[in-house]
Amino acid sequence: MMNIFKRALMVLGGLALAFIALGVVAVMSSDKKAPLPGAAQAGAAPVPAAAEAVYVTSLRQLIEDYEANEVATDHRIAGRPVRLDGVIHAIEKDMFGAPVLALRTNNEFLPAPMTLNRSEANAAAAFQRGQRVVVTCEGMKFLVGRPSGDDCRAALMK
């Protein structure tokens, strides 16, 4: 009986540590970008309003850009919605029930997850694997070697 109790405590402790680790990762990878050090001292011009325009690319190009220089790519797309096209690998839900389009990458084991707005659930239900889609995400980051989008909308390519 005591062994079962000890095992249960160990499992609960492990789960607690896992959730803490996930929280730390989430905070560290937040979409809020700090200003570049020294930017104000260097007399940098204010960012023009055009910087808020949608950044248009393909999933393949975005992966290549991130692999070439993650910092420069994040800086280039910071604060801008990102619109990209790709092929659906899977249609899933995240741990909170939000619809996720996993887009095909060169690594079949690591598709690029694009988390859709909850309002996009009906659209996600109509998609099928292998369809080409255009996804526009309010937030984009590079996690575990692949782009990951947040607060996205999706439509079939015409």
N, C-alpha and C. Protein backbone atom coordinates (compact mmCIF):
# COMPACT_ATOMS: atom_id res chain seq x y z
N MET A 1 0.83 -1.20 0.00
CA MET A 1 0.00 0.00 0.00
C MET A 1 0.86 1.26 0.00
N MET A 2 1.94 1.21 0.78
CA MET A 2 2.82 2.38 0.84
C MET A 2 3.54 2.60 -0.49
N ASN A 3 3.89 1.50 -1.20
CA ASN A 3 4.54 1.63 -2.51
C ASN A 3 3.63 2.31 -3.51
N ILE A 4 2.35 1.99 -3.48
CA ILE A 4 1.39 2.61 -4.40
C ILE A 4 1.30 4.10 -4.11
N PHE A 5 1.26 4.45 -2.84
CA PHE A 5 1.19 5.86 -2.43
C PHE A 5 2.45 6.60 -2.89
N LYS A 6 3.61 6.00 -2.72
CA LYS A 6 4.87 6.63 -3.13
C LYS A 6 4.90 6.81 -4.65
N ARG A 7 4.46 5.80 -5.39
CA ARG A 7 4.43 5.92 -6.84
C ARG A 7 3.48 7.02 -7.30
N ALA A 8 2.34 7.09 -6.66
CA ALA A 8 1.37 8.13 -7.01
C ALA A 8 1.97 9.52 -6.76
N LEU A 9 2.66 9.69 -5.64
CA LEU A 9 3.30 10.97 -5.34
C LEU A 9 4.39 11.28 -6.36
N MET A 10 5.15 10.28 -6.77
CA MET A 10 6.21 10.49 -7.75
C MET A 10 5.61 10.91 -9.10
N VAL A 11 4.53 10.27 -9.51
CA VAL A 11 3.88 10.61 -10.77
C VAL A 11 3.32 12.03 -10.71
N LEU A 12 2.65 12.37 -9.61
CA LEU A 12 2.11 13.72 -9.46
C LEU A 12 3.22 14.76 -9.43
N GLY A 13 4.30 14.46 -8.77
CA GLY A 13 5.44 15.38 -8.73
C GLY A 13 6.04 15.57 -10.11
N GLY A 14 6.15 14.49 -10.87
CA GLY A 14 6.65 14.58 -12.24
C GLY A 14 5.75 15.41 -13.12
N LEU A 15 4.44 15.22 -12.97
CA LEU A 15 3.49 16.03 -13.75
C LEU A 15 3.59 17.50 -13.38
N ALA A 16 3.73 17.78 -12.10
CA ALA A 16 3.85 19.17 -11.65
C ALA A 16 5.09 19.81 -12.26
N LEU A 17 6.20 19.09 -12.25
CA LEU A 17 7.43 19.62 -12.85
C LEU A 17 7.27 19.84 -14.35
N ALA A 18 6.57 18.94 -15.01
CA ALA A 18 6.35 19.09 -16.45
C ALA A 18 5.53 20.34 -16.74
N PHE A 19 4.48 20.59 -15.96
CA PHE A 19 3.67 21.78 -16.17
C PHE A 19 4.45 23.05 -15.87
N ILE A 20 5.29 23.01 -14.87
CA ILE A 20 6.13 24.17 -14.56
C ILE A 20 7.08 24.43 -15.73
N ALA A 21 7.69 23.37 -16.25
CA ALA A 21 8.61 23.53 -17.38
C ALA A 21 7.88 24.09 -18.60
N LEU A 22 6.67 23.61 -18.87
CA LEU A 22 5.89 24.14 -20.00
C LEU A 22 5.57 25.62 -19.80
N GLY A 23 5.26 26.00 -18.58
CA GLY A 23 4.98 27.41 -18.28
C GLY A 23 6.20 28.28 -18.52
N VAL A 24 7.36 27.81 -18.11
CA VAL A 24 8.60 28.56 -18.32
C VAL A 24 8.87 28.71 -19.81
N VAL A 25 8.71 27.64 -20.57
CA VAL A 25 8.92 27.70 -22.02
C VAL A 25 7.94 28.67 -22.66
N ALA A 26 6.69 28.63 -22.23
CA ALA A 26 5.68 29.52 -22.80
C ALA A 26 6.02 30.98 -22.52
N VAL A 27 6.47 31.29 -21.32
CA VAL A 27 6.83 32.66 -20.98
C VAL A 27 8.05 33.11 -21.78
N MET A 28 9.03 32.22 -21.90
CA MET A 28 10.26 32.56 -22.61
C MET A 28 10.04 32.74 -24.10
N SER A 29 9.04 32.07 -24.65
CA SER A 29 8.82 32.15 -26.10
C SER A 29 7.63 33.04 -26.43
N SER A 30 7.28 33.94 -25.53
CA SER A 30 6.13 34.80 -25.77
C SER A 30 6.38 35.67 -26.99
N ASP A 31 5.32 36.10 -27.65
CA ASP A 31 5.43 36.89 -28.87
C ASP A 31 5.88 38.32 -28.61
N LYS A 32 5.90 38.75 -27.37
CA LYS A 32 6.31 40.11 -27.06
C LYS A 32 7.82 40.20 -27.20
N LYS A 33 8.25 41.04 -28.12
CA LYS A 33 9.66 41.20 -28.39
C LYS A 33 10.17 42.44 -27.66
N ALA A 34 11.32 42.29 -26.98
CA ALA A 34 11.96 43.42 -26.33
C ALA A 34 12.66 44.24 -27.40
N PRO A 35 12.77 45.57 -27.21
CA PRO A 35 13.50 46.37 -28.18
C PRO A 35 14.96 45.93 -28.22
N LEU A 36 15.56 46.08 -29.38
CA LEU A 36 16.96 45.71 -29.52
C LEU A 36 17.82 46.62 -28.65
N PRO A 37 18.79 46.05 -27.91
CA PRO A 37 19.64 46.88 -27.07
C PRO A 37 20.39 47.89 -27.92
N GLY A 38 20.43 49.12 -27.43
CA GLY A 38 21.19 50.15 -28.11
C GLY A 38 20.47 50.79 -29.27
N ALA A 39 19.26 50.38 -29.57
CA ALA A 39 18.54 50.95 -30.71
C ALA A 39 18.27 52.43 -30.50
N ALA A 40 17.87 52.82 -29.29
CA ALA A 40 17.58 54.22 -29.02
C ALA A 40 18.86 55.05 -29.05
N GLN A 41 19.98 54.51 -28.54
CA GLN A 41 21.23 55.24 -28.51
C GLN A 41 21.78 55.43 -29.91
N ALA A 42 21.50 54.50 -30.81
CA ALA A 42 22.05 54.57 -32.15
C ALA A 42 21.26 55.54 -33.02
N GLY A 43 20.22 56.17 -32.47
CA GLY A 43 19.43 57.13 -33.22
C GLY A 43 18.56 56.46 -34.28
N ALA A 44 18.09 55.26 -33.96
CA ALA A 44 17.26 54.53 -34.91
C ALA A 44 15.97 55.28 -35.17
N ALA A 45 15.56 55.29 -36.43
CA ALA A 45 14.31 55.95 -36.80
C ALA A 45 13.14 55.15 -36.29
N PRO A 46 12.01 55.81 -35.99
CA PRO A 46 10.83 55.06 -35.55
C PRO A 46 10.38 54.11 -36.65
N VAL A 47 9.76 53.01 -36.23
CA VAL A 47 9.30 52.00 -37.18
C VAL A 47 8.11 52.58 -37.95
N PRO A 48 8.16 52.56 -39.29
CA PRO A 48 7.05 53.12 -40.06
C PRO A 48 5.80 52.26 -39.94
N ALA A 49 4.65 52.87 -40.23
CA ALA A 49 3.38 52.16 -40.14
C ALA A 49 3.33 50.98 -41.09
N ALA A 50 4.09 51.02 -42.19
CA ALA A 50 4.09 49.92 -43.16
C ALA A 50 4.62 48.64 -42.54
N ALA A 51 5.37 48.74 -41.43
CA ALA A 51 5.91 47.54 -40.78
C ALA A 51 4.80 46.65 -40.25
N GLU A 52 3.60 47.20 -40.07
CA GLU A 52 2.50 46.41 -39.56
C GLU A 52 1.76 45.68 -40.68
N ALA A 53 2.20 45.87 -41.92
CA ALA A 53 1.57 45.17 -43.05
C ALA A 53 1.84 43.68 -42.91
N VAL A 54 0.99 42.90 -43.55
CA VAL A 54 1.11 41.45 -43.49
C VAL A 54 2.41 41.01 -44.16
N TYR A 55 3.13 40.11 -43.49
CA TYR A 55 4.35 39.52 -44.05
C TYR A 55 3.93 38.28 -44.82
N VAL A 56 4.12 38.27 -46.13
CA VAL A 56 3.66 37.19 -46.99
C VAL A 56 4.85 36.32 -47.40
N THR A 57 4.70 35.01 -47.25
CA THR A 57 5.75 34.06 -47.58
C THR A 57 5.14 32.69 -47.79
N SER A 58 5.97 31.71 -47.99
CA SER A 58 5.51 30.32 -48.02
C SER A 58 6.08 29.63 -46.80
N LEU A 59 5.50 28.52 -46.41
CA LEU A 59 6.02 27.78 -45.26
C LEU A 59 7.46 27.37 -45.52
N ARG A 60 7.73 26.87 -46.72
CA ARG A 60 9.09 26.44 -47.06
C ARG A 60 10.09 27.58 -46.91
N GLN A 61 9.74 28.77 -47.43
CA GLN A 61 10.64 29.92 -47.34
C GLN A 61 10.82 30.36 -45.90
N LEU A 62 9.74 30.35 -45.12
CA LEU A 62 9.84 30.75 -43.72
C LEU A 62 10.78 29.81 -42.95
N ILE A 63 10.70 28.52 -43.23
CA ILE A 63 11.59 27.56 -42.58
C ILE A 63 13.04 27.86 -42.98
N GLU A 64 13.28 28.10 -44.27
CA GLU A 64 14.63 28.42 -44.73
C GLU A 64 15.15 29.69 -44.08
N ASP A 65 14.29 30.71 -43.97
CA ASP A 65 14.69 31.97 -43.32
C ASP A 65 15.05 31.74 -41.86
N TYR A 66 14.20 31.00 -41.14
CA TYR A 66 14.48 30.72 -39.73
C TYR A 66 15.77 29.91 -39.57
N GLU A 67 15.99 28.93 -40.44
CA GLU A 67 17.21 28.12 -40.33
C GLU A 67 18.45 28.94 -40.64
N ALA A 68 18.34 29.91 -41.54
CA ALA A 68 19.48 30.75 -41.89
C ALA A 68 19.82 31.71 -40.76
N ASN A 69 18.79 32.34 -40.14
CA ASN A 69 19.03 33.29 -39.06
C ASN A 69 17.72 33.55 -38.32
N GLU A 70 17.52 32.84 -37.24
CA GLU A 70 16.28 32.94 -36.47
C GLU A 70 16.06 34.34 -35.92
N VAL A 71 17.13 34.97 -35.43
CA VAL A 71 17.01 36.31 -34.84
C VAL A 71 16.57 37.32 -35.90
N ALA A 72 17.22 37.29 -37.06
CA ALA A 72 16.85 38.23 -38.13
C ALA A 72 15.43 38.01 -38.61
N THR A 73 15.02 36.76 -38.72
CA THR A 73 13.66 36.45 -39.18
C THR A 73 12.64 36.94 -38.17
N ASP A 74 12.86 36.66 -36.88
CA ASP A 74 11.95 37.17 -35.85
C ASP A 74 11.88 38.70 -35.88
N HIS A 75 13.03 39.34 -36.08
CA HIS A 75 13.06 40.80 -36.13
C HIS A 75 12.27 41.32 -37.33
N ARG A 76 12.41 40.65 -38.47
CA ARG A 76 11.74 41.07 -39.70
C ARG A 76 10.21 40.95 -39.59
N ILE A 77 9.71 39.92 -38.89
CA ILE A 77 8.27 39.71 -38.83
C ILE A 77 7.65 40.17 -37.51
N ALA A 78 8.45 40.70 -36.61
CA ALA A 78 7.95 41.11 -35.29
C ALA A 78 6.78 42.09 -35.40
N GLY A 79 5.71 41.79 -34.70
CA GLY A 79 4.55 42.68 -34.64
C GLY A 79 3.70 42.68 -35.89
N ARG A 80 3.97 41.78 -36.82
CA ARG A 80 3.22 41.73 -38.07
C ARG A 80 2.50 40.40 -38.20
N PRO A 81 1.30 40.41 -38.77
CA PRO A 81 0.67 39.13 -39.11
C PRO A 81 1.50 38.46 -40.21
N VAL A 82 1.52 37.14 -40.20
CA VAL A 82 2.27 36.37 -41.21
C VAL A 82 1.28 35.54 -42.02
N ARG A 83 1.32 35.70 -43.34
CA ARG A 83 0.48 34.90 -44.23
C ARG A 83 1.39 33.96 -45.00
N LEU A 84 1.06 32.67 -44.93
CA LEU A 84 1.87 31.68 -45.64
C LEU A 84 0.98 30.61 -46.24
N ASP A 85 1.52 29.91 -47.22
CA ASP A 85 0.77 28.81 -47.81
C ASP A 85 1.49 27.52 -47.50
N GLY A 86 0.72 26.45 -47.45
CA GLY A 86 1.28 25.14 -47.17
C GLY A 86 0.26 24.05 -47.44
N VAL A 87 0.69 22.82 -47.22
CA VAL A 87 -0.16 21.65 -47.44
C VAL A 87 -0.50 21.04 -46.09
N ILE A 88 -1.78 20.71 -45.90
CA ILE A 88 -2.22 20.15 -44.62
C ILE A 88 -1.68 18.74 -44.43
N HIS A 89 -0.99 18.54 -43.34
CA HIS A 89 -0.48 17.22 -42.93
C HIS A 89 -1.51 16.55 -42.02
N ALA A 90 -2.12 17.33 -41.12
CA ALA A 90 -3.11 16.80 -40.17
C ALA A 90 -3.99 17.94 -39.67
N ILE A 91 -5.19 17.59 -39.24
CA ILE A 91 -6.12 18.52 -38.60
C ILE A 91 -6.36 17.98 -37.21
N GLU A 92 -5.97 18.77 -36.19
CA GLU A 92 -5.98 18.28 -34.81
C GLU A 92 -6.58 19.32 -33.88
N LYS A 93 -6.54 19.03 -32.60
CA LYS A 93 -6.89 19.99 -31.55
C LYS A 93 -5.71 20.07 -30.61
N ASP A 94 -5.49 21.26 -30.04
CA ASP A 94 -4.44 21.37 -29.03
C ASP A 94 -5.00 20.94 -27.67
N MET A 95 -4.20 21.03 -26.63
CA MET A 95 -4.64 20.55 -25.32
C MET A 95 -5.78 21.37 -24.73
N PHE A 96 -6.07 22.53 -25.33
CA PHE A 96 -7.17 23.36 -24.84
C PHE A 96 -8.39 23.26 -25.74
N GLY A 97 -8.32 22.41 -26.77
CA GLY A 97 -9.46 22.20 -27.66
C GLY A 97 -9.50 23.10 -28.87
N ALA A 98 -8.50 23.96 -29.05
CA ALA A 98 -8.47 24.84 -30.22
C ALA A 98 -8.05 24.04 -31.45
N PRO A 99 -8.62 24.34 -32.62
CA PRO A 99 -8.24 23.61 -33.83
C PRO A 99 -6.82 23.98 -34.27
N VAL A 100 -6.10 22.97 -34.75
CA VAL A 100 -4.72 23.15 -35.20
C VAL A 100 -4.57 22.51 -36.58
N LEU A 101 -4.05 23.29 -37.52
CA LEU A 101 -3.67 22.74 -38.81
C LEU A 101 -2.17 22.46 -38.74
N ALA A 102 -1.79 21.21 -38.87
CA ALA A 102 -0.39 20.84 -38.92
C ALA A 102 -0.01 20.82 -40.39
N LEU A 103 0.92 21.72 -40.79
CA LEU A 103 1.30 21.83 -42.19
C LEU A 103 2.55 20.99 -42.47
N ARG A 104 2.58 20.41 -43.64
CA ARG A 104 3.65 19.51 -44.05
C ARG A 104 4.98 20.25 -44.17
N THR A 105 6.02 19.67 -43.59
CA THR A 105 7.40 20.15 -43.72
C THR A 105 8.23 19.05 -44.34
N ASN A 106 9.52 19.29 -44.52
CA ASN A 106 10.41 18.26 -45.06
C ASN A 106 10.58 17.11 -44.08
N ASN A 107 10.31 17.34 -42.80
CA ASN A 107 10.41 16.30 -41.78
C ASN A 107 9.01 15.82 -41.45
N GLU A 108 8.67 14.61 -41.90
CA GLU A 108 7.30 14.12 -41.72
C GLU A 108 6.90 13.96 -40.26
N PHE A 109 7.90 13.92 -39.35
CA PHE A 109 7.60 13.76 -37.93
C PHE A 109 7.44 15.10 -37.21
N LEU A 110 7.76 16.21 -37.88
CA LEU A 110 7.64 17.53 -37.28
C LEU A 110 6.89 18.49 -38.19
N PRO A 111 5.58 18.32 -38.34
CA PRO A 111 4.81 19.29 -39.13
C PRO A 111 4.76 20.62 -38.37
N ALA A 112 4.46 21.68 -39.09
CA ALA A 112 4.38 23.02 -38.51
C ALA A 112 2.96 23.28 -38.00
N PRO A 113 2.77 23.41 -36.67
CA PRO A 113 1.42 23.62 -36.13
C PRO A 113 0.97 25.07 -36.24
N MET A 114 -0.20 25.27 -36.80
CA MET A 114 -0.82 26.59 -36.89
C MET A 114 -2.12 26.54 -36.10
N THR A 115 -2.11 27.13 -34.92
CA THR A 115 -3.28 27.10 -34.04
C THR A 115 -4.29 28.14 -34.51
N LEU A 116 -5.47 27.67 -34.87
CA LEU A 116 -6.52 28.54 -35.39
C LEU A 116 -7.31 29.18 -34.27
N ASN A 117 -7.93 30.32 -34.60
CA ASN A 117 -8.91 30.92 -33.68
C ASN A 117 -10.00 29.89 -33.43
N ARG A 118 -10.61 29.92 -32.27
CA ARG A 118 -11.73 29.01 -32.01
C ARG A 118 -12.87 29.25 -32.99
N SER A 119 -12.99 30.48 -33.48
CA SER A 119 -14.05 30.79 -34.45
C SER A 119 -13.82 30.09 -35.79
N GLU A 120 -12.64 29.53 -35.99
CA GLU A 120 -12.30 28.84 -37.23
C GLU A 120 -12.59 27.34 -37.16
N ALA A 121 -13.23 26.88 -36.09
CA ALA A 121 -13.47 25.44 -35.90
C ALA A 121 -14.29 24.85 -37.05
N ASN A 122 -15.31 25.58 -37.53
CA ASN A 122 -16.12 25.05 -38.64
C ASN A 122 -15.30 24.93 -39.91
N ALA A 123 -14.44 25.92 -40.16
CA ALA A 123 -13.57 25.86 -41.34
C ALA A 123 -12.62 24.67 -41.22
N ALA A 124 -12.06 24.46 -40.03
CA ALA A 124 -11.12 23.35 -39.81
C ALA A 124 -11.81 22.02 -40.03
N ALA A 125 -13.08 21.94 -39.66
CA ALA A 125 -13.83 20.69 -39.83
C ALA A 125 -14.03 20.34 -41.31
N ALA A 126 -13.98 21.35 -42.17
CA ALA A 126 -14.19 21.12 -43.60
C ALA A 126 -12.90 20.79 -44.35
N PHE A 127 -11.74 21.05 -43.74
CA PHE A 127 -10.46 20.78 -44.41
C PHE A 127 -10.15 19.29 -44.44
N GLN A 128 -9.26 18.90 -45.36
CA GLN A 128 -8.81 17.52 -45.47
C GLN A 128 -7.30 17.50 -45.66
N ARG A 129 -6.70 16.38 -45.23
CA ARG A 129 -5.26 16.20 -45.44
C ARG A 129 -4.93 16.34 -46.92
N GLY A 130 -3.78 16.95 -47.18
CA GLY A 130 -3.31 17.09 -48.55
C GLY A 130 -3.79 18.34 -49.26
N GLN A 131 -4.77 19.07 -48.68
CA GLN A 131 -5.24 20.29 -49.32
C GLN A 131 -4.23 21.40 -49.10
N ARG A 132 -4.11 22.28 -50.09
CA ARG A 132 -3.23 23.45 -49.99
C ARG A 132 -4.06 24.59 -49.39
N VAL A 133 -3.51 25.22 -48.35
CA VAL A 133 -4.22 26.29 -47.65
C VAL A 133 -3.34 27.53 -47.54
N VAL A 134 -4.01 28.65 -47.31
CA VAL A 134 -3.35 29.90 -46.96
C VAL A 134 -3.72 30.17 -45.51
N VAL A 135 -2.72 30.38 -44.68
CA VAL A 135 -2.92 30.60 -43.25
C VAL A 135 -2.36 31.97 -42.90
N THR A 136 -3.14 32.78 -42.17
CA THR A 136 -2.67 34.07 -41.69
C THR A 136 -2.69 34.03 -40.16
N CYS A 137 -1.51 34.23 -39.56
CA CYS A 137 -1.35 34.13 -38.11
C CYS A 137 -0.92 35.46 -37.52
N GLU A 138 -1.51 35.80 -36.39
CA GLU A 138 -1.14 37.03 -35.69
C GLU A 138 0.20 36.88 -34.97
N GLY A 139 0.56 35.67 -34.61
CA GLY A 139 1.83 35.42 -33.93
C GLY A 139 2.55 34.25 -34.59
N MET A 140 3.88 34.37 -34.71
CA MET A 140 4.68 33.31 -35.30
C MET A 140 5.97 33.19 -34.51
N LYS A 141 6.37 31.96 -34.23
CA LYS A 141 7.64 31.71 -33.56
C LYS A 141 8.24 30.44 -34.12
N PHE A 142 9.49 30.20 -33.81
CA PHE A 142 10.22 29.02 -34.29
C PHE A 142 10.51 28.15 -33.08
N LEU A 143 9.80 27.02 -32.98
CA LEU A 143 9.96 26.13 -31.83
C LEU A 143 10.30 24.73 -32.32
N VAL A 144 11.26 24.11 -31.71
CA VAL A 144 11.66 22.73 -32.00
C VAL A 144 11.92 22.55 -33.51
N GLY A 145 12.59 23.51 -34.11
CA GLY A 145 12.96 23.38 -35.50
C GLY A 145 11.86 23.55 -36.52
N ARG A 146 10.76 24.21 -36.14
CA ARG A 146 9.66 24.42 -37.09
C ARG A 146 8.88 25.67 -36.69
N PRO A 147 8.30 26.37 -37.66
CA PRO A 147 7.46 27.52 -37.34
C PRO A 147 6.19 27.07 -36.64
N SER A 148 5.71 27.90 -35.75
CA SER A 148 4.48 27.62 -35.02
C SER A 148 3.65 28.90 -34.98
N GLY A 149 2.43 28.84 -35.52
CA GLY A 149 1.58 30.02 -35.58
C GLY A 149 0.50 30.02 -34.52
N ASP A 150 0.14 31.22 -34.07
CA ASP A 150 -0.92 31.40 -33.07
C ASP A 150 -1.96 32.36 -33.61
N ASP A 151 -3.20 32.18 -33.16
CA ASP A 151 -4.30 33.09 -33.50
C ASP A 151 -4.43 33.21 -35.03
N CYS A 152 -4.59 32.05 -35.67
CA CYS A 152 -4.57 31.98 -37.15
C CYS A 152 -5.96 31.86 -37.75
N ARG A 153 -6.05 32.23 -39.01
CA ARG A 153 -7.23 32.00 -39.85
C ARG A 153 -6.73 31.24 -41.07
N ALA A 154 -7.56 30.41 -41.65
CA ALA A 154 -7.13 29.61 -42.80
C ALA A 154 -8.21 29.55 -43.86
N ALA A 155 -7.77 29.41 -45.10
CA ALA A 155 -8.68 29.27 -46.24
C ALA A 155 -8.00 28.39 -47.28
N LEU A 156 -8.80 27.67 -48.04
CA LEU A 156 -8.25 26.88 -49.13
C LEU A 156 -7.68 27.80 -50.19
N MET A 157 -6.56 27.38 -50.80
CA MET A 157 -6.00 28.15 -51.91
C MET A 157 -6.89 27.97 -53.12
N LYS A 158 -7.02 29.01 -53.89
CA LYS A 158 -7.86 28.95 -55.09
C LYS A 158 -7.03 28.67 -56.31
